[in-house]
Amino acid sequence: MAKVAAESKSGISHIYESKAGRYGGTFAHWQIALAYAKWLSPELHMAVNETYMRYKSGDHTLALEVIDKQTDPKKLADIEVRARSIRNYVGAYREFGSFRRLKWL
């Protein structure tokens, strides 16, 4: 927990909290929660590791799976806008060979 607190530039009290009572519970930084969940479930541990490796290796089908699970039309429109701008960015790079030669308006 100390490493996560140092990386997030906050104290341990900001990355982990436990509340008693009817609406209480334990709340933690996402990395702490994921480490605990992985400790509880070997299946989750394997699924997280596989997804991470797919992400790091640039597996384009991972992005398609994420998009397929999205049902909110507004969020799908946002994804489409971002994808279009990335395609334009990559296309300009391929055309000019370097972004330094591009003249932005």
PDB file of N, CA and C in Angstrom:
ATOM      1  N   MET A   1       0.814  -1.187   0.000  1.00  0.00           N
ATOM      2  CA  MET A   1       0.000   0.000   0.000  1.00  0.00           C
ATOM      3  C   MET A   1       0.860   1.254   0.000  1.00  0.00           C
ATOM      4  N   ALA A   2       2.000   1.176   0.621  1.00  0.00           N
ATOM      5  CA  ALA A   2       2.882   2.342   0.672  1.00  0.00           C
ATOM      6  C   ALA A   2       3.342   2.749  -0.725  1.00  0.00           C
ATOM      7  N   LYS A   3       3.609   1.774  -1.579  1.00  0.00           N
ATOM      8  CA  LYS A   3       4.044   2.064  -2.950  1.00  0.00           C
ATOM      9  C   LYS A   3       2.937   2.777  -3.733  1.00  0.00           C
ATOM     10  N   VAL A   4       1.708   2.304  -3.610  1.00  0.00           N
ATOM     11  CA  VAL A   4       0.579   2.941  -4.295  1.00  0.00           C
ATOM     12  C   VAL A   4       0.376   4.355  -3.758  1.00  0.00           C
ATOM     13  N   ALA A   5       0.490   4.535  -2.454  1.00  0.00           N
ATOM     14  CA  ALA A   5       0.340   5.860  -1.856  1.00  0.00           C
ATOM     15  C   ALA A   5       1.421   6.804  -2.368  1.00  0.00           C
ATOM     16  N   ALA A   6       2.648   6.311  -2.476  1.00  0.00           N
ATOM     17  CA  ALA A   6       3.738   7.152  -2.969  1.00  0.00           C
ATOM     18  C   ALA A   6       3.533   7.509  -4.440  1.00  0.00           C
ATOM     19  N   GLU A   7       3.108   6.540  -5.247  1.00  0.00           N
ATOM     20  CA  GLU A   7       2.878   6.796  -6.672  1.00  0.00           C
ATOM     21  C   GLU A   7       1.737   7.789  -6.892  1.00  0.00           C
ATOM     22  N   SER A   8       0.704   7.712  -6.069  1.00  0.00           N
ATOM     23  CA  SER A   8      -0.436   8.615  -6.238  1.00  0.00           C
ATOM     24  C   SER A   8      -0.252   9.922  -5.467  1.00  0.00           C
ATOM     25  N   LYS A   9       0.891  10.055  -4.816  1.00  0.00           N
ATOM     26  CA  LYS A   9       1.243  11.261  -4.055  1.00  0.00           C
ATOM     27  C   LYS A   9       0.176  11.599  -3.004  1.00  0.00           C
ATOM     28  N   SER A  10      -0.240  10.573  -2.301  1.00  0.00           N
ATOM     29  CA  SER A  10      -1.201  10.778  -1.220  1.00  0.00           C
ATOM     30  C   SER A  10      -0.865   9.814  -0.087  1.00  0.00           C
ATOM     31  N   GLY A  11      -1.448  10.037   1.033  1.00  0.00           N
ATOM     32  CA  GLY A  11      -1.205   9.161   2.166  1.00  0.00           C
ATOM     33  C   GLY A  11      -2.024   7.889   2.083  1.00  0.00           C
ATOM     34  N   ILE A  12      -1.678   6.936   2.923  1.00  0.00           N
ATOM     35  CA  ILE A  12      -2.394   5.660   2.937  1.00  0.00           C
ATOM     36  C   ILE A  12      -3.862   5.891   3.273  1.00  0.00           C
ATOM     37  N   SER A  13      -4.164   6.892   4.064  1.00  0.00           N
ATOM     38  CA  SER A  13      -5.562   7.158   4.425  1.00  0.00           C
ATOM     39  C   SER A  13      -6.410   7.543   3.209  1.00  0.00           C
ATOM     40  N   HIS A  14      -5.770   7.974   2.117  1.00  0.00           N
ATOM     41  CA  HIS A  14      -6.504   8.345   0.908  1.00  0.00           C
ATOM     42  C   HIS A  14      -6.697   7.178  -0.055  1.00  0.00           C
ATOM     43  N   ILE A  15      -5.991   6.082   0.143  1.00  0.00           N
ATOM     44  CA  ILE A  15      -6.125   4.964  -0.789  1.00  0.00           C
ATOM     45  C   ILE A  15      -6.893   3.794  -0.189  1.00  0.00           C
ATOM     46  N   TYR A  16      -7.210   3.871   1.092  1.00  0.00           N
ATOM     47  CA  TYR A  16      -7.907   2.779   1.753  1.00  0.00           C
ATOM     48  C   TYR A  16      -8.785   3.364   2.842  1.00  0.00           C
ATOM     49  N   GLU A  17     -10.064   2.967   2.846  1.00  0.00           N
ATOM     50  CA  GLU A  17     -10.970   3.478   3.864  1.00  0.00           C
ATOM     51  C   GLU A  17     -11.983   2.396   4.218  1.00  0.00           C
ATOM     52  N   SER A  18     -12.279   2.288   5.480  1.00  0.00           N
ATOM     53  CA  SER A  18     -13.261   1.319   5.949  1.00  0.00           C
ATOM     54  C   SER A  18     -14.274   2.049   6.813  1.00  0.00           C
ATOM     55  N   LYS A  19     -15.569   1.874   6.497  1.00  0.00           N
ATOM     56  CA  LYS A  19     -16.630   2.521   7.253  1.00  0.00           C
ATOM     57  C   LYS A  19     -17.537   1.449   7.851  1.00  0.00           C
ATOM     58  N   ALA A  20     -17.881   1.640   9.100  1.00  0.00           N
ATOM     59  CA  ALA A  20     -18.797   0.714   9.771  1.00  0.00           C
ATOM     60  C   ALA A  20     -20.230   1.211   9.599  1.00  0.00           C
ATOM     61  N   GLY A  21     -21.158   0.346   9.884  1.00  0.00           N
ATOM     62  CA  GLY A  21     -22.554   0.761   9.860  1.00  0.00           C
ATOM     63  C   GLY A  21     -23.320   0.252   8.652  1.00  0.00           C
ATOM     64  N   ARG A  22     -24.579   0.680   8.603  1.00  0.00           N
ATOM     65  CA  ARG A  22     -25.488   0.196   7.570  1.00  0.00           C
ATOM     66  C   ARG A  22     -25.004   0.479   6.157  1.00  0.00           C
ATOM     67  N   TYR A  23     -24.522   1.665   5.892  1.00  0.00           N
ATOM     68  CA  TYR A  23     -24.043   2.015   4.553  1.00  0.00           C
ATOM     69  C   TYR A  23     -22.522   2.023   4.478  1.00  0.00           C
ATOM     70  N   GLY A  24     -21.909   1.294   5.363  1.00  0.00           N
ATOM     71  CA  GLY A  24     -20.459   1.225   5.407  1.00  0.00           C
ATOM     72  C   GLY A  24     -19.910   0.219   4.421  1.00  0.00           C
ATOM     73  N   GLY A  25     -18.637   0.064   4.465  1.00  0.00           N
ATOM     74  CA  GLY A  25     -17.961  -0.873   3.588  1.00  0.00           C
ATOM     75  C   GLY A  25     -16.485  -0.549   3.547  1.00  0.00           C
ATOM     76  N   THR A  26     -15.778  -1.288   2.762  1.00  0.00           N
ATOM     77  CA  THR A  26     -14.354  -1.043   2.592  1.00  0.00           C
ATOM     78  C   THR A  26     -14.130  -0.527   1.183  1.00  0.00           C
ATOM     79  N   PHE A  27     -13.433   0.577   1.072  1.00  0.00           N
ATOM     80  CA  PHE A  27     -13.167   1.218  -0.192  1.00  0.00           C
ATOM     81  C   PHE A  27     -11.664   1.356  -0.339  1.00  0.00           C
ATOM     82  N   ALA A  28     -11.158   1.082  -1.541  1.00  0.00           N
ATOM     83  CA  ALA A  28      -9.710   1.124  -1.735  1.00  0.00           C
ATOM     84  C   ALA A  28      -9.377   1.636  -3.131  1.00  0.00           C
ATOM     85  N   HIS A  29      -8.156   2.100  -3.283  1.00  0.00           N
ATOM     86  CA  HIS A  29      -7.602   2.473  -4.592  1.00  0.00           C
ATOM     87  C   HIS A  29      -7.775   1.275  -5.525  1.00  0.00           C
ATOM     88  N   TRP A  30      -7.988   1.531  -6.801  1.00  0.00           N
ATOM     89  CA  TRP A  30      -8.276   0.437  -7.731  1.00  0.00           C
ATOM     90  C   TRP A  30      -7.169  -0.609  -7.763  1.00  0.00           C
ATOM     91  N   GLN A  31      -5.913  -0.202  -7.599  1.00  0.00           N
ATOM     92  CA  GLN A  31      -4.824  -1.181  -7.625  1.00  0.00           C
ATOM     93  C   GLN A  31      -4.854  -2.083  -6.392  1.00  0.00           C
ATOM     94  N   ILE A  32      -5.198  -1.502  -5.248  1.00  0.00           N
ATOM     95  CA  ILE A  32      -5.313  -2.300  -4.026  1.00  0.00           C
ATOM     96  C   ILE A  32      -6.497  -3.262  -4.151  1.00  0.00           C
ATOM     97  N   ALA A  33      -7.626  -2.757  -4.646  1.00  0.00           N
ATOM     98  CA  ALA A  33      -8.810  -3.602  -4.803  1.00  0.00           C
ATOM     99  C   ALA A  33      -8.541  -4.745  -5.782  1.00  0.00           C
ATOM    100  N   LEU A  34      -7.853  -4.448  -6.872  1.00  0.00           N
ATOM    101  CA  LEU A  34      -7.559  -5.482  -7.864  1.00  0.00           C
ATOM    102  C   LEU A  34      -6.586  -6.521  -7.303  1.00  0.00           C
ATOM    103  N   ALA A  35      -5.594  -6.085  -6.543  1.00  0.00           N
ATOM    104  CA  ALA A  35      -4.662  -7.037  -5.937  1.00  0.00           C
ATOM    105  C   ALA A  35      -5.397  -7.968  -4.974  1.00  0.00           C
ATOM    106  N   TYR A  36      -6.328  -7.419  -4.219  1.00  0.00           N
ATOM    107  CA  TYR A  36      -7.095  -8.243  -3.288  1.00  0.00           C
ATOM    108  C   TYR A  36      -8.001  -9.212  -4.052  1.00  0.00           C
ATOM    109  N   ALA A  37      -8.655  -8.730  -5.088  1.00  0.00           N
ATOM    110  CA  ALA A  37      -9.534  -9.592  -5.879  1.00  0.00           C
ATOM    111  C   ALA A  37      -8.737 -10.715  -6.540  1.00  0.00           C
ATOM    112  N   LYS A  38      -7.541 -10.404  -7.015  1.00  0.00           N
ATOM    113  CA  LYS A  38      -6.691 -11.429  -7.632  1.00  0.00           C
ATOM    114  C   LYS A  38      -6.262 -12.468  -6.595  1.00  0.00           C
ATOM    115  N   TRP A  39      -6.066 -12.027  -5.365  1.00  0.00           N
ATOM    116  CA  TRP A  39      -5.702 -12.954  -4.298  1.00  0.00           C
ATOM    117  C   TRP A  39      -6.875 -13.880  -3.979  1.00  0.00           C
ATOM    118  N   LEU A  40      -8.097 -13.336  -4.063  1.00  0.00           N
ATOM    119  CA  LEU A  40      -9.286 -14.129  -3.768  1.00  0.00           C
ATOM    120  C   LEU A  40      -9.613 -15.132  -4.873  1.00  0.00           C
ATOM    121  N   SER A  41      -9.346 -14.772  -6.122  1.00  0.00           N
ATOM    122  CA  SER A  41      -9.793 -15.605  -7.237  1.00  0.00           C
ATOM    123  C   SER A  41      -8.670 -15.830  -8.247  1.00  0.00           C
ATOM    124  N   PRO A  42      -8.147 -17.041  -8.345  1.00  0.00           N
ATOM    125  CA  PRO A  42      -7.130 -17.334  -9.353  1.00  0.00           C
ATOM    126  C   PRO A  42      -7.639 -17.119 -10.777  1.00  0.00           C
ATOM    127  N   GLU A  43      -8.950 -17.340 -10.989  1.00  0.00           N
ATOM    128  CA  GLU A  43      -9.516 -17.123 -12.324  1.00  0.00           C
ATOM    129  C   GLU A  43      -9.448 -15.653 -12.714  1.00  0.00           C
ATOM    130  N   LEU A  44      -9.782 -14.775 -11.750  1.00  0.00           N
ATOM    131  CA  LEU A  44      -9.686 -13.344 -12.024  1.00  0.00           C
ATOM    132  C   LEU A  44      -8.241 -12.947 -12.273  1.00  0.00           C
ATOM    133  N   HIS A  45      -7.324 -13.488 -11.497  1.00  0.00           N
ATOM    134  CA  HIS A  45      -5.906 -13.207 -11.668  1.00  0.00           C
ATOM    135  C   HIS A  45      -5.471 -13.533 -13.100  1.00  0.00           C
ATOM    136  N   MET A  46      -5.861 -14.703 -13.583  1.00  0.00           N
ATOM    137  CA  MET A  46      -5.484 -15.109 -14.934  1.00  0.00           C
ATOM    138  C   MET A  46      -6.146 -14.215 -15.988  1.00  0.00           C
ATOM    139  N   ALA A  47      -7.406 -13.870 -15.790  1.00  0.00           N
ATOM    140  CA  ALA A  47      -8.113 -13.020 -16.754  1.00  0.00           C
ATOM    141  C   ALA A  47      -7.482 -11.632 -16.836  1.00  0.00           C
ATOM    142  N   VAL A  48      -7.129 -11.067 -15.690  1.00  0.00           N
ATOM    143  CA  VAL A  48      -6.493  -9.744 -15.674  1.00  0.00           C
ATOM    144  C   VAL A  48      -5.129  -9.800 -16.355  1.00  0.00           C
ATOM    145  N   ASN A  49      -4.345 -10.819 -16.050  1.00  0.00           N
ATOM    146  CA  ASN A  49      -3.028 -10.947 -16.675  1.00  0.00           C
ATOM    147  C   ASN A  49      -3.145 -11.115 -18.187  1.00  0.00           C
ATOM    148  N   GLU A  50      -4.106 -11.915 -18.640  1.00  0.00           N
ATOM    149  CA  GLU A  50      -4.291 -12.117 -20.079  1.00  0.00           C
ATOM    150  C   GLU A  50      -4.701 -10.819 -20.773  1.00  0.00           C
ATOM    151  N   THR A  51      -5.618 -10.081 -20.156  1.00  0.00           N
ATOM    152  CA  THR A  51      -6.057  -8.813 -20.738  1.00  0.00           C
ATOM    153  C   THR A  51      -4.907  -7.816 -20.789  1.00  0.00           C
ATOM    154  N   TYR A  52      -4.122  -7.760 -19.734  1.00  0.00           N
ATOM    155  CA  TYR A  52      -2.974  -6.859 -19.710  1.00  0.00           C
ATOM    156  C   TYR A  52      -1.970  -7.204 -20.809  1.00  0.00           C
ATOM    157  N   MET A  53      -1.684  -8.484 -20.983  1.00  0.00           N
ATOM    158  CA  MET A  53      -0.737  -8.892 -22.031  1.00  0.00           C
ATOM    159  C   MET A  53      -1.285  -8.580 -23.415  1.00  0.00           C
ATOM    160  N   ARG A  54      -2.583  -8.761 -23.613  1.00  0.00           N
ATOM    161  CA  ARG A  54      -3.179  -8.413 -24.904  1.00  0.00           C
ATOM    162  C   ARG A  54      -3.046  -6.919 -25.159  1.00  0.00           C
ATOM    163  N   TYR A  55      -3.268  -6.115 -24.123  1.00  0.00           N
ATOM    164  CA  TYR A  55      -3.130  -4.658 -24.252  1.00  0.00           C
ATOM    165  C   TYR A  55      -1.697  -4.278 -24.590  1.00  0.00           C
ATOM    166  N   LYS A  56      -0.741  -4.814 -23.839  1.00  0.00           N
ATOM    167  CA  LYS A  56       0.672  -4.468 -24.052  1.00  0.00           C
ATOM    168  C   LYS A  56       1.183  -4.934 -25.408  1.00  0.00           C
ATOM    169  N   SER A  57       0.618  -6.024 -25.935  1.00  0.00           N
ATOM    170  CA  SER A  57       1.088  -6.526 -27.235  1.00  0.00           C
ATOM    171  C   SER A  57       0.390  -5.828 -28.399  1.00  0.00           C
ATOM    172  N   GLY A  58      -0.568  -4.952 -28.100  1.00  0.00           N
ATOM    173  CA  GLY A  58      -1.243  -4.207 -29.162  1.00  0.00           C
ATOM    174  C   GLY A  58      -2.323  -5.001 -29.874  1.00  0.00           C
ATOM    175  N   ASP A  59      -2.931  -5.941 -29.186  1.00  0.00           N
ATOM    176  CA  ASP A  59      -3.990  -6.772 -29.771  1.00  0.00           C
ATOM    177  C   ASP A  59      -5.205  -5.905 -30.087  1.00  0.00           C
ATOM    178  N   HIS A  60      -5.444  -5.653 -31.380  1.00  0.00           N
ATOM    179  CA  HIS A  60      -6.540  -4.778 -31.785  1.00  0.00           C
ATOM    180  C   HIS A  60      -7.915  -5.383 -31.490  1.00  0.00           C
ATOM    181  N   THR A  61      -8.003  -6.698 -31.350  1.00  0.00           N
ATOM    182  CA  THR A  61      -9.301  -7.307 -31.064  1.00  0.00           C
ATOM    183  C   THR A  61      -9.778  -6.981 -29.646  1.00  0.00           C
ATOM    184  N   LEU A  62      -8.874  -6.610 -28.771  1.00  0.00           N
ATOM    185  CA  LEU A  62      -9.260  -6.214 -27.416  1.00  0.00           C
ATOM    186  C   LEU A  62     -10.118  -4.952 -27.473  1.00  0.00           C
ATOM    187  N   ALA A  63      -9.712  -3.989 -28.273  1.00  0.00           N
ATOM    188  CA  ALA A  63     -10.492  -2.754 -28.415  1.00  0.00           C
ATOM    189  C   ALA A  63     -11.870  -3.057 -28.999  1.00  0.00           C
ATOM    190  N   LEU A  64     -11.923  -3.954 -29.961  1.00  0.00           N
ATOM    191  CA  LEU A  64     -13.210  -4.313 -30.555  1.00  0.00           C
ATOM    192  C   LEU A  64     -14.123  -4.969 -29.527  1.00  0.00           C
ATOM    193  N   GLU A  65     -13.585  -5.792 -28.654  1.00  0.00           N
ATOM    194  CA  GLU A  65     -14.379  -6.425 -27.602  1.00  0.00           C
ATOM    195  C   GLU A  65     -14.940  -5.381 -26.638  1.00  0.00           C
ATOM    196  N   VAL A  66     -14.133  -4.389 -26.306  1.00  0.00           N
ATOM    197  CA  VAL A  66     -14.589  -3.328 -25.403  1.00  0.00           C
ATOM    198  C   VAL A  66     -15.720  -2.544 -26.067  1.00  0.00           C
ATOM    199  N   ILE A  67     -15.565  -2.218 -27.330  1.00  0.00           N
ATOM    200  CA  ILE A  67     -16.601  -1.476 -28.051  1.00  0.00           C
ATOM    201  C   ILE A  67     -17.884  -2.292 -28.141  1.00  0.00           C
ATOM    202  N   ASP A  68     -17.771  -3.584 -28.396  1.00  0.00           N
ATOM    203  CA  ASP A  68     -18.953  -4.441 -28.500  1.00  0.00           C
ATOM    204  C   ASP A  68     -19.756  -4.479 -27.202  1.00  0.00           C
ATOM    205  N   LYS A  69     -19.086  -4.312 -26.071  1.00  0.00           N
ATOM    206  CA  LYS A  69     -19.777  -4.354 -24.781  1.00  0.00           C
ATOM    207  C   LYS A  69     -20.424  -3.023 -24.423  1.00  0.00           C
ATOM    208  N   GLN A  70     -20.100  -1.963 -25.150  1.00  0.00           N
ATOM    209  CA  GLN A  70     -20.644  -0.643 -24.860  1.00  0.00           C
ATOM    210  C   GLN A  70     -22.045  -0.518 -25.456  1.00  0.00           C
ATOM    211  N   THR A  71     -23.000  -0.110 -24.630  1.00  0.00           N
ATOM    212  CA  THR A  71     -24.378   0.003 -25.104  1.00  0.00           C
ATOM    213  C   THR A  71     -24.887   1.445 -25.117  1.00  0.00           C
ATOM    214  N   ASP A  72     -24.178   2.358 -24.501  1.00  0.00           N
ATOM    215  CA  ASP A  72     -24.609   3.759 -24.448  1.00  0.00           C
ATOM    216  C   ASP A  72     -24.306   4.436 -25.792  1.00  0.00           C
ATOM    217  N   PRO A  73     -25.342   4.906 -26.523  1.00  0.00           N
ATOM    218  CA  PRO A  73     -25.117   5.515 -27.838  1.00  0.00           C
ATOM    219  C   PRO A  73     -24.185   6.725 -27.801  1.00  0.00           C
ATOM    220  N   LYS A  74     -24.263   7.545 -26.744  1.00  0.00           N
ATOM    221  CA  LYS A  74     -23.392   8.721 -26.653  1.00  0.00           C
ATOM    222  C   LYS A  74     -21.930   8.305 -26.528  1.00  0.00           C
ATOM    223  N   LYS A  75     -21.661   7.299 -25.707  1.00  0.00           N
ATOM    224  CA  LYS A  75     -20.292   6.833 -25.550  1.00  0.00           C
ATOM    225  C   LYS A  75     -19.782   6.188 -26.834  1.00  0.00           C
ATOM    226  N   LEU A  76     -20.669   5.478 -27.550  1.00  0.00           N
ATOM    227  CA  LEU A  76     -20.265   4.897 -28.833  1.00  0.00           C
ATOM    228  C   LEU A  76     -19.923   5.992 -29.834  1.00  0.00           C
ATOM    229  N   ALA A  77     -20.684   7.088 -29.830  1.00  0.00           N
ATOM    230  CA  ALA A  77     -20.387   8.216 -30.721  1.00  0.00           C
ATOM    231  C   ALA A  77     -19.037   8.834 -30.364  1.00  0.00           C
ATOM    232  N   ASP A  78     -18.743   8.958 -29.069  1.00  0.00           N
ATOM    233  CA  ASP A  78     -17.446   9.489 -28.635  1.00  0.00           C
ATOM    234  C   ASP A  78     -16.302   8.592 -29.107  1.00  0.00           C
ATOM    235  N   ILE A  79     -16.506   7.286 -29.014  1.00  0.00           N
ATOM    236  CA  ILE A  79     -15.482   6.339 -29.472  1.00  0.00           C
ATOM    237  C   ILE A  79     -15.250   6.501 -30.968  1.00  0.00           C
ATOM    238  N   GLU A  80     -16.341   6.675 -31.725  1.00  0.00           N
ATOM    239  CA  GLU A  80     -16.218   6.842 -33.175  1.00  0.00           C
ATOM    240  C   GLU A  80     -15.441   8.108 -33.521  1.00  0.00           C
ATOM    241  N   VAL A  81     -15.707   9.196 -32.827  1.00  0.00           N
ATOM    242  CA  VAL A  81     -14.992  10.460 -33.068  1.00  0.00           C
ATOM    243  C   VAL A  81     -13.503  10.283 -32.785  1.00  0.00           C
ATOM    244  N   ARG A  82     -13.176   9.643 -31.666  1.00  0.00           N
ATOM    245  CA  ARG A  82     -11.762   9.421 -31.328  1.00  0.00           C
ATOM    246  C   ARG A  82     -11.077   8.524 -32.350  1.00  0.00           C
ATOM    247  N   ALA A  83     -11.771   7.478 -32.774  1.00  0.00           N
ATOM    248  CA  ALA A  83     -11.186   6.563 -33.764  1.00  0.00           C
ATOM    249  C   ALA A  83     -10.931   7.292 -35.074  1.00  0.00           C
ATOM    250  N   ARG A  84     -11.871   8.150 -35.489  1.00  0.00           N
ATOM    251  CA  ARG A  84     -11.688   8.909 -36.726  1.00  0.00           C
ATOM    252  C   ARG A  84     -10.485   9.831 -36.621  1.00  0.00           C
ATOM    253  N   SER A  85     -10.320  10.506 -35.483  1.00  0.00           N
ATOM    254  CA  SER A  85      -9.187  11.422 -35.341  1.00  0.00           C
ATOM    255  C   SER A  85      -7.871  10.653 -35.317  1.00  0.00           C
ATOM    256  N   ILE A  86      -7.851   9.461 -34.722  1.00  0.00           N
ATOM    257  CA  ILE A  86      -6.633   8.651 -34.725  1.00  0.00           C
ATOM    258  C   ILE A  86      -6.296   8.206 -36.141  1.00  0.00           C
ATOM    259  N   ARG A  87      -7.329   7.779 -36.905  1.00  0.00           N
ATOM    260  CA  ARG A  87      -7.084   7.380 -38.299  1.00  0.00           C
ATOM    261  C   ARG A  87      -6.510   8.540 -39.100  1.00  0.00           C
ATOM    262  N   ASN A  88      -7.037   9.753 -38.901  1.00  0.00           N
ATOM    263  CA  ASN A  88      -6.522  10.924 -39.605  1.00  0.00           C
ATOM    264  C   ASN A  88      -5.085  11.219 -39.204  1.00  0.00           C
ATOM    265  N   TYR A  89      -4.786  11.094 -37.921  1.00  0.00           N
ATOM    266  CA  TYR A  89      -3.450  11.344 -37.400  1.00  0.00           C
ATOM    267  C   TYR A  89      -2.446  10.362 -38.003  1.00  0.00           C
ATOM    268  N   VAL A  90      -2.803   9.074 -37.999  1.00  0.00           N
ATOM    269  CA  VAL A  90      -1.918   8.050 -38.541  1.00  0.00           C
ATOM    270  C   VAL A  90      -1.785   8.219 -40.050  1.00  0.00           C
ATOM    271  N   GLY A  91      -2.883   8.562 -40.728  1.00  0.00           N
ATOM    272  CA  GLY A  91      -2.832   8.782 -42.174  1.00  0.00           C
ATOM    273  C   GLY A  91      -1.913   9.933 -42.538  1.00  0.00           C
ATOM    274  N   ALA A  92      -1.961  11.020 -41.766  1.00  0.00           N
ATOM    275  CA  ALA A  92      -1.075  12.153 -42.017  1.00  0.00           C
ATOM    276  C   ALA A  92       0.375  11.761 -41.794  1.00  0.00           C
ATOM    277  N   TYR A  93       0.637  10.971 -40.786  1.00  0.00           N
ATOM    278  CA  TYR A  93       2.002  10.517 -40.531  1.00  0.00           C
ATOM    279  C   TYR A  93       2.513   9.686 -41.697  1.00  0.00           C
ATOM    280  N   ARG A  94       1.679   8.780 -42.187  1.00  0.00           N
ATOM    281  CA  ARG A  94       2.097   7.933 -43.307  1.00  0.00           C
ATOM    282  C   ARG A  94       2.323   8.747 -44.569  1.00  0.00           C
ATOM    283  N   GLU A  95       1.496   9.754 -44.784  1.00  0.00           N
ATOM    284  CA  GLU A  95       1.616  10.574 -45.987  1.00  0.00           C
ATOM    285  C   GLU A  95       2.868  11.443 -45.963  1.00  0.00           C
ATOM    286  N   PHE A  96       3.157  12.065 -44.829  1.00  0.00           N
ATOM    287  CA  PHE A  96       4.259  13.007 -44.752  1.00  0.00           C
ATOM    288  C   PHE A  96       5.524  12.424 -44.135  1.00  0.00           C
ATOM    289  N   GLY A  97       5.438  11.267 -43.507  1.00  0.00           N
ATOM    290  CA  GLY A  97       6.606  10.619 -42.939  1.00  0.00           C
ATOM    291  C   GLY A  97       7.050  11.193 -41.612  1.00  0.00           C
ATOM    292  N   SER A  98       6.613  12.378 -41.297  1.00  0.00           N
ATOM    293  CA  SER A  98       6.996  12.992 -40.037  1.00  0.00           C
ATOM    294  C   SER A  98       5.966  14.034 -39.668  1.00  0.00           C
ATOM    295  N   PHE A  99       5.647  14.159 -38.413  1.00  0.00           N
ATOM    296  CA  PHE A  99       4.685  15.160 -37.992  1.00  0.00           C
ATOM    297  C   PHE A  99       5.298  16.554 -38.011  1.00  0.00           C
ATOM    298  N   ARG A 100       6.606  16.649 -38.016  1.00  0.00           N
ATOM    299  CA  ARG A 100       7.252  17.967 -38.019  1.00  0.00           C
ATOM    300  C   ARG A 100       7.004  18.711 -39.310  1.00  0.00           C
ATOM    301  N   ARG A 101       6.795  17.972 -40.407  1.00  0.00           N
ATOM    302  CA  ARG A 101       6.551  18.624 -41.684  1.00  0.00           C
ATOM    303  C   ARG A 101       5.107  19.071 -41.873  1.00  0.00           C
ATOM    304  N   LEU A 102       4.227  18.634 -40.995  1.00  0.00           N
ATOM    305  CA  LEU A 102       2.827  19.015 -41.120  1.00  0.00           C
ATOM    306  C   LEU A 102       2.654  20.474 -40.709  1.00  0.00           C
ATOM    307  N   LYS A 103       1.850  21.180 -41.452  1.00  0.00           N
ATOM    308  CA  LYS A 103       1.531  22.570 -41.090  1.00  0.00           C
ATOM    309  C   LYS A 103       0.112  22.590 -40.563  1.00  0.00           C
ATOM    310  N   TRP A 104      -0.016  22.797 -39.272  1.00  0.00           N
ATOM    311  CA  TRP A 104      -1.336  22.816 -38.655  1.00  0.00           C
ATOM    312  C   TRP A 104      -1.929  24.206 -38.786  1.00  0.00           C
ATOM    313  N   LEU A 105      -3.205  24.263 -39.069  1.00  0.00           N
ATOM    314  CA  LEU A 105      -3.894  25.553 -39.219  1.00  0.00           C
ATOM    315  C   LEU A 105      -4.290  26.104 -37.887  1.00  0.00           C
TER     316      LEU A 105
END
